[in-house]
Amino acid sequence: MPHLQSRSLRIYADHLEYLDQTQLPQAEQWVRCDSPEEWQVAVKSLAIRGAPLIGLSAAFVLAQYAARHPQSDWQLVSDRLRATRPTAVNLMYCLDAMEACFEQGASALAERAAALFSEDRALCQQMAERGADLLEMGDRVLTHCNTGALATAGVGTAIGALAVAKQRGVELHVYVDETRPLLQGGRLTAWEMADLGIPYQLITDSMAASLMALGKVDKVMVGADRICANGDFANKVGTYMLAVIAHYHQVPFYVVAPYTTVDPACATGADIPIEQRDPAEVRGAAGAFGEVVWAPNDAPVWNPAFDVTPAKLVTAWVLDTGVFDAAAIARGEHCQRRSEK
């Protein structure tokens, strides 16, 4: 039996198992992970994904490595884990917390990883409750990428808010962006909406503007991979486009994330490193459904994994610590808890 378990992660004493998110929704396949190298492969392929889940799984991988190897090796492994995906700051938060325990020994690392897991579960519930407070009966909500239980230890971030609203009896209709190029919306969010029993429709990313022009979207809710001191934030590529469209059509645009996603040391979005991914992801698609290539094999590709949305396009930032408007962001209130850590 696992010591700890979430929707997509199982923690055992000497290894972890992850739900391979590249295989969803066609297959629910759990894969054993025994080493930092296996974890890196899983994260780079997006078999393990979601900013909170990446950080948490890294913490357990490091703790389990520490139990089997000398302390002199721990920092090198932590540095390698840290470099795997540069944009999402939750990975850095979790590894910073683990490194602070190095002098206390391997057992302290195991305890800290478990504490991080429990913390994320609580943070998810808190921000989901705050996000649900913003949703009204009959709201039509547009979301992007995947921000549910698959990406966290708990109920999720933006999708968590939808789930809590559903539990409260608030009737919603969700528009799910397919989220090119890796289709996290079409594969994962659509799957989670069906599992939650929330009515939804799947759209291509380029249909969002037409939906808003027709007055069919009441709110946009997205997650974040890093929130800067000035409120700019990085999220899955395509988020910036949604924010611009929502701003033009005067549709409220909300960012839902835990305080662990805030990076007070990152002044503006210009300071966020943006991961560049394999050109093959844009030339075609692959997954449990098979593989298809529709572009010329040598077609030049630009494939950033994330984009940056300026703070001026955001209606409010929904964190576990509160709901912050632009004035509160300007005062740095969203950074307070992160700065205390």
Protein backbone atom coordinates (compact mmCIF):
# COMPACT_ATOMS: atom_id res chain seq x y z
CA MET A 1 0.00 0.00 0.00
CA PRO A 2 1.31 3.50 -0.79
CA HIS A 3 2.14 5.78 2.12
CA LEU A 4 0.63 8.75 0.27
CA GLN A 5 -1.51 8.97 -2.83
CA SER A 6 -3.01 11.60 -5.11
CA ARG A 7 -4.88 11.26 -8.39
CA SER A 8 -1.65 10.83 -10.32
CA LEU A 9 1.05 9.95 -7.75
CA ARG A 10 1.60 7.03 -5.36
CA ILE A 11 4.38 7.24 -2.81
CA TYR A 12 5.99 4.09 -1.38
CA ALA A 13 8.91 3.77 1.04
CA ASP A 14 11.55 3.20 -1.64
CA HIS A 15 9.95 4.32 -4.92
CA LEU A 16 7.04 6.19 -6.42
CA GLU A 17 4.50 5.42 -9.11
CA TYR A 18 2.99 7.99 -11.45
CA LEU A 19 -0.03 7.94 -13.70
CA ASP A 20 1.44 8.37 -17.19
CA GLN A 21 -0.39 11.45 -18.42
CA THR A 22 0.81 10.97 -21.99
CA GLN A 23 -1.44 7.89 -22.18
CA LEU A 24 -4.65 9.58 -21.02
CA PRO A 25 -7.51 9.42 -21.75
CA GLN A 26 -7.12 6.20 -23.73
CA ALA A 27 -5.31 4.30 -20.96
CA GLU A 28 -4.69 4.68 -17.21
CA GLN A 29 -1.17 3.35 -16.93
CA TRP A 30 0.82 3.53 -13.68
CA VAL A 31 4.60 3.52 -14.06
CA ARG A 32 7.20 2.80 -11.38
CA CYS A 33 9.98 5.36 -10.87
CA ASP A 34 13.12 4.28 -9.00
CA SER A 35 15.70 6.93 -9.82
CA PRO A 36 16.31 10.61 -10.58
CA GLU A 37 17.12 9.66 -14.17
CA GLU A 38 13.76 7.93 -14.64
CA TRP A 39 12.02 10.93 -13.09
CA GLN A 40 13.75 13.31 -15.50
CA VAL A 41 12.62 11.27 -18.50
CA ALA A 42 9.04 11.22 -17.18
CA VAL A 43 8.99 14.97 -16.56
CA LYS A 44 10.57 15.92 -19.88
CA SER A 45 8.04 13.77 -21.73
CA LEU A 46 5.16 15.22 -19.65
CA ALA A 47 4.24 11.81 -18.27
CA ILE A 48 4.58 13.71 -14.97
CA ARG A 49 3.32 17.28 -15.41
CA GLY A 50 1.70 20.20 -13.63
CA ALA A 51 3.84 22.68 -11.70
CA PRO A 52 2.88 21.49 -8.18
CA LEU A 53 3.14 17.79 -9.08
CA ILE A 54 6.57 18.23 -10.66
CA GLY A 55 7.88 19.83 -7.49
CA LEU A 56 6.33 17.26 -5.15
CA SER A 57 7.48 14.25 -7.14
CA ALA A 58 11.01 15.70 -7.27
CA ALA A 59 11.01 16.02 -3.48
CA PHE A 60 10.16 12.34 -3.05
CA VAL A 61 12.67 11.23 -5.67
CA LEU A 62 15.38 13.19 -3.87
CA ALA A 63 14.37 11.80 -0.46
CA GLN A 64 14.41 8.23 -1.74
CA TYR A 65 17.76 8.78 -3.42
CA ALA A 66 19.17 10.18 -0.17
CA ALA A 67 18.13 7.04 1.70
CA ARG A 68 20.38 4.95 -0.58
CA HIS A 69 23.34 7.22 -1.32
CA PRO A 70 25.94 9.26 0.61
CA GLN A 71 25.16 12.85 1.53
CA SER A 72 28.02 14.06 -0.64
CA ASP A 73 25.92 13.17 -3.71
CA TRP A 74 22.67 14.84 -2.69
CA GLN A 75 23.38 18.37 -3.90
CA LEU A 76 24.47 17.22 -7.35
CA VAL A 77 21.25 15.23 -7.77
CA SER A 78 19.14 18.13 -6.53
CA ASP A 79 20.82 20.42 -9.06
CA ARG A 80 20.07 17.96 -11.86
CA LEU A 81 16.43 17.71 -10.83
CA ARG A 82 16.20 21.51 -10.65
CA ALA A 83 17.42 21.92 -14.23
CA THR A 84 14.86 19.53 -15.71
CA ARG A 85 12.15 22.17 -16.33
CA PRO A 86 13.22 25.80 -15.81
CA THR A 87 9.94 27.75 -15.95
CA ALA A 88 7.73 26.36 -13.15
CA VAL A 89 8.95 27.75 -9.83
CA ASN A 90 7.21 25.09 -7.69
CA LEU A 91 10.08 22.75 -8.52
CA MET A 92 12.55 25.26 -7.11
CA TYR A 93 10.37 25.82 -4.03
CA CYS A 94 10.27 22.11 -3.20
CA LEU A 95 13.96 21.51 -3.81
CA ASP A 96 14.91 24.57 -1.73
CA ALA A 97 12.86 23.10 1.12
CA MET A 98 14.57 19.73 0.72
CA GLU A 99 18.08 21.19 0.58
CA ALA A 100 17.41 23.05 3.83
CA CYS A 101 17.11 19.62 5.50
CA PHE A 102 20.35 18.10 4.16
CA GLU A 103 22.27 18.51 7.40
CA GLN A 104 19.52 16.70 9.32
CA GLY A 105 19.90 13.47 7.35
CA ALA A 106 17.86 11.28 5.02
CA SER A 107 14.96 10.72 7.42
CA ALA A 108 14.41 14.48 7.63
CA LEU A 109 14.18 14.62 3.84
CA ALA A 110 11.48 11.95 3.81
CA GLU A 111 9.54 13.86 6.44
CA ARG A 112 9.89 17.14 4.56
CA ALA A 113 8.68 15.62 1.29
CA ALA A 114 5.60 14.25 3.06
CA ALA A 115 4.98 17.67 4.62
CA LEU A 116 5.19 19.34 1.20
CA PHE A 117 2.65 16.85 -0.14
CA SER A 118 0.23 17.55 2.71
CA GLU A 119 0.77 21.29 2.32
CA ASP A 120 -0.08 21.22 -1.38
CA ARG A 121 -3.27 19.28 -0.72
CA ALA A 122 -4.36 21.92 1.80
CA LEU A 123 -3.36 24.80 -0.48
CA CYS A 124 -5.42 23.32 -3.31
CA GLN A 125 -8.52 23.19 -1.15
CA GLN A 126 -8.02 26.75 0.10
CA MET A 127 -7.53 28.33 -3.33
CA ALA A 128 -10.33 26.22 -4.82
CA GLU A 129 -12.72 27.50 -2.16
CA ARG A 130 -11.71 31.09 -2.94
CA GLY A 131 -12.05 30.51 -6.66
CA ALA A 132 -15.45 28.89 -6.24
CA ASP A 133 -16.63 32.01 -4.40
CA LEU A 134 -16.21 33.90 -7.69
CA LEU A 135 -18.44 31.54 -9.67
CA GLU A 136 -22.18 32.05 -10.03
CA MET A 137 -25.06 29.82 -11.05
CA GLY A 138 -25.05 29.30 -14.79
CA ASP A 139 -21.56 30.68 -15.40
CA ARG A 140 -19.88 29.67 -18.64
CA VAL A 141 -16.19 29.33 -17.88
CA LEU A 142 -13.31 29.01 -20.33
CA THR A 143 -10.15 27.28 -19.15
CA HIS A 144 -6.79 26.38 -20.67
CA CYS A 145 -4.38 23.45 -20.37
CA ASN A 146 -4.98 21.20 -17.32
CA THR A 147 -5.16 22.49 -13.76
CA GLY A 148 -6.99 19.74 -11.90
CA ALA A 149 -6.17 16.87 -9.57
CA LEU A 150 -3.87 15.37 -12.21
CA ALA A 151 -1.48 18.31 -11.74
CA THR A 152 -1.41 18.56 -7.92
CA ALA A 153 -1.66 16.60 -4.68
CA GLY A 154 -5.20 17.84 -4.13
CA VAL A 155 -8.29 18.99 -5.98
CA GLY A 156 -6.33 21.23 -8.34
CA THR A 157 -6.03 24.96 -8.97
CA ALA A 158 -8.39 26.48 -11.57
CA ILE A 159 -10.21 23.18 -12.13
CA GLY A 160 -10.26 22.79 -8.36
CA ALA A 161 -12.39 25.93 -8.17
CA LEU A 162 -14.80 24.42 -10.70
CA ALA A 163 -14.92 21.18 -8.72
CA VAL A 164 -15.73 22.94 -5.45
CA ALA A 165 -18.41 25.04 -7.15
CA LYS A 166 -19.93 21.81 -8.48
CA GLN A 167 -19.93 20.36 -4.95
CA ARG A 168 -21.78 23.46 -3.75
CA GLY A 169 -24.50 22.92 -6.34
CA VAL A 170 -23.42 25.73 -8.67
CA GLU A 171 -24.30 24.78 -12.24
CA LEU A 172 -21.53 25.57 -14.71
CA HIS A 173 -20.71 25.03 -18.34
CA VAL A 174 -17.01 24.77 -19.16
CA TYR A 175 -15.32 25.47 -22.47
CA VAL A 176 -12.11 23.44 -22.67
CA ASP A 177 -9.33 24.74 -24.91
CA GLU A 178 -7.66 21.74 -26.53
CA THR A 179 -4.29 23.43 -25.77
CA ARG A 180 -1.96 22.83 -28.68
CA PRO A 181 0.54 21.45 -29.25
CA LEU A 182 0.31 18.68 -26.61
CA LEU A 183 -3.46 18.77 -26.11
CA GLN A 184 -3.54 18.86 -22.32
CA GLY A 185 -7.00 20.39 -22.48
CA GLY A 186 -8.41 17.94 -24.99
CA ARG A 187 -6.83 14.88 -23.39
CA LEU A 188 -6.73 15.70 -19.68
CA THR A 189 -9.16 18.49 -18.81
CA ALA A 190 -11.96 16.97 -20.89
CA TRP A 191 -11.32 13.69 -19.06
CA GLU A 192 -11.44 15.43 -15.68
CA MET A 193 -14.62 17.36 -16.56
CA ALA A 194 -16.36 14.09 -17.42
CA ASP A 195 -15.08 12.53 -14.19
CA LEU A 196 -16.39 15.49 -12.16
CA GLY A 197 -19.74 15.48 -13.95
CA ILE A 198 -19.36 19.08 -15.14
CA PRO A 199 -20.92 19.82 -18.55
CA TYR A 200 -18.27 20.91 -21.03
CA GLN A 201 -17.50 21.47 -24.68
CA LEU A 202 -14.10 21.01 -26.27
CA ILE A 203 -12.88 23.77 -28.59
CA THR A 204 -9.71 24.46 -30.55
CA ASP A 205 -7.62 27.30 -29.14
CA SER A 206 -8.46 29.54 -32.09
CA MET A 207 -12.21 29.34 -31.37
CA ALA A 208 -12.01 31.22 -28.05
CA ALA A 209 -12.30 34.69 -29.60
CA SER A 210 -15.45 33.76 -31.51
CA LEU A 211 -17.02 32.36 -28.34
CA MET A 212 -16.36 35.60 -26.47
CA ALA A 213 -17.60 37.72 -29.37
CA LEU A 214 -20.88 35.81 -29.21
CA GLY A 215 -21.16 36.55 -25.48
CA LYS A 216 -20.89 32.89 -24.52
CA VAL A 217 -18.08 33.20 -21.96
CA ASP A 218 -18.68 34.73 -18.52
CA LYS A 219 -15.27 34.10 -16.96
CA VAL A 220 -11.83 32.74 -17.81
CA MET A 221 -9.94 30.73 -15.17
CA VAL A 222 -6.38 29.51 -15.71
CA GLY A 223 -3.49 28.24 -13.63
CA ALA A 224 0.10 29.49 -13.45
CA ASP A 225 3.63 28.10 -13.45
CA ARG A 226 5.30 31.23 -12.06
CA ILE A 227 3.87 34.51 -10.76
CA CYS A 228 6.24 37.49 -10.64
CA ALA A 229 6.49 40.22 -8.04
CA ASN A 230 4.61 42.61 -10.34
CA GLY A 231 1.83 40.09 -11.11
CA ASP A 232 2.99 39.02 -14.57
CA PHE A 233 2.74 35.26 -14.83
CA ALA A 234 3.87 32.36 -16.99
CA ASN A 235 1.46 29.63 -17.96
CA LYS A 236 0.96 27.17 -20.78
CA VAL A 237 1.48 28.80 -24.16
CA GLY A 238 -1.79 30.25 -25.42
CA THR A 239 -2.74 31.80 -22.08
CA TYR A 240 -1.53 35.27 -23.12
CA MET A 241 -3.73 35.09 -26.21
CA LEU A 242 -6.76 34.27 -24.03
CA ALA A 243 -5.99 37.17 -21.70
CA VAL A 244 -5.83 39.63 -24.60
CA ILE A 245 -9.11 38.35 -26.02
CA ALA A 246 -10.81 38.42 -22.62
CA HIS A 247 -9.59 41.97 -21.98
CA TYR A 248 -10.95 43.13 -25.34
CA HIS A 249 -14.34 41.54 -24.68
CA GLN A 250 -14.40 42.65 -21.00
CA VAL A 251 -14.57 39.07 -19.72
CA PRO A 252 -13.12 38.63 -16.19
CA PHE A 253 -9.80 36.79 -16.30
CA TYR A 254 -8.66 34.96 -13.15
CA VAL A 255 -5.37 33.25 -12.29
CA VAL A 256 -5.64 30.46 -9.69
CA ALA A 257 -2.44 29.21 -8.04
CA PRO A 258 -0.86 28.40 -4.65
CA TYR A 259 1.53 30.79 -2.93
CA THR A 260 4.31 28.34 -3.86
CA THR A 261 3.93 29.52 -7.48
CA VAL A 262 4.80 33.12 -6.52
CA ASP A 263 8.43 34.09 -7.11
CA PRO A 264 9.19 37.38 -5.30
CA ALA A 265 12.73 37.33 -6.69
CA CYS A 266 11.38 37.48 -10.24
CA ALA A 267 10.56 41.14 -10.83
CA THR A 268 8.65 40.93 -14.12
CA GLY A 269 7.68 38.44 -16.79
CA ALA A 270 10.79 39.39 -18.76
CA ASP A 271 12.83 37.60 -16.09
CA ILE A 272 11.08 34.23 -16.47
CA PRO A 273 13.07 31.56 -18.37
CA ILE A 274 10.85 30.01 -21.03
CA GLU A 275 11.41 26.36 -21.88
CA GLN A 276 11.72 25.52 -25.58
CA ARG A 277 10.49 22.08 -26.61
CA ASP A 278 10.95 19.54 -29.40
CA PRO A 279 9.88 20.75 -32.88
CA ALA A 280 8.23 17.36 -33.46
CA GLU A 281 5.45 18.38 -31.05
CA VAL A 282 4.28 21.03 -33.52
CA ARG A 283 4.84 19.05 -36.70
CA GLY A 284 2.37 16.42 -35.54
CA ALA A 285 0.96 14.67 -32.48
CA ALA A 286 1.63 11.47 -30.55
CA GLY A 287 0.08 9.62 -27.63
CA ALA A 288 -1.85 6.49 -26.75
CA PHE A 289 -3.97 7.29 -29.80
CA GLY A 290 -0.96 6.77 -32.06
CA GLU A 291 1.34 9.13 -33.94
CA VAL A 292 0.69 11.36 -36.92
CA VAL A 293 2.88 13.92 -38.70
CA TRP A 294 1.12 16.54 -40.84
CA ALA A 295 3.93 19.00 -41.52
CA PRO A 296 7.07 18.50 -43.63
CA ASN A 297 9.61 16.55 -41.59
CA ASP A 298 12.08 19.43 -41.78
CA ALA A 299 9.59 22.29 -41.24
CA PRO A 300 11.22 24.99 -39.06
CA VAL A 301 9.40 25.27 -35.71
CA TRP A 302 9.23 27.69 -32.78
CA ASN A 303 7.85 25.80 -29.77
CA PRO A 304 7.88 27.63 -26.41
CA ALA A 305 6.17 25.61 -23.68
CA PHE A 306 4.90 28.75 -21.92
CA ASP A 307 4.07 32.38 -22.51
CA VAL A 308 3.90 35.37 -20.18
CA THR A 309 0.68 37.27 -19.48
CA PRO A 310 1.12 40.89 -18.31
CA ALA A 311 -0.47 41.77 -14.98
CA LYS A 312 -2.57 44.52 -16.56
CA LEU A 313 -4.69 41.88 -18.31
CA VAL A 314 -5.60 40.03 -15.09
CA THR A 315 -8.81 40.73 -13.17
CA ALA A 316 -7.62 39.01 -9.98
CA TRP A 317 -5.06 36.54 -8.70
CA VAL A 318 -6.71 33.77 -6.66
CA LEU A 319 -4.23 32.29 -4.19
CA ASP A 320 -4.70 30.16 -1.10
CA THR A 321 -3.82 33.29 0.88
CA GLY A 322 -6.54 35.45 -0.67
CA VAL A 323 -7.96 37.04 -3.80
CA PHE A 324 -5.71 39.90 -4.91
CA ASP A 325 -6.66 42.72 -7.26
CA ALA A 326 -4.19 44.90 -9.15
CA ALA A 327 -3.81 47.34 -6.24
CA ALA A 328 -2.94 44.52 -3.82
CA ILE A 329 -0.44 43.11 -6.31
CA ALA A 330 1.18 46.54 -6.64
CA ARG A 331 1.61 46.58 -2.85
CA GLY A 332 3.24 43.14 -3.00
CA GLU A 333 0.62 41.49 -0.81
CA HIS A 334 0.70 38.29 -2.89
CA CYS A 335 4.42 37.89 -2.12
CA GLN A 336 4.13 38.13 1.64
CA ARG A 337 3.83 34.45 2.56
CA ARG A 338 6.41 33.36 -0.01
CA SER A 339 8.88 35.94 1.29
CA GLU A 340 8.44 34.60 4.82
CA LYS A 341 9.59 31.11 3.80
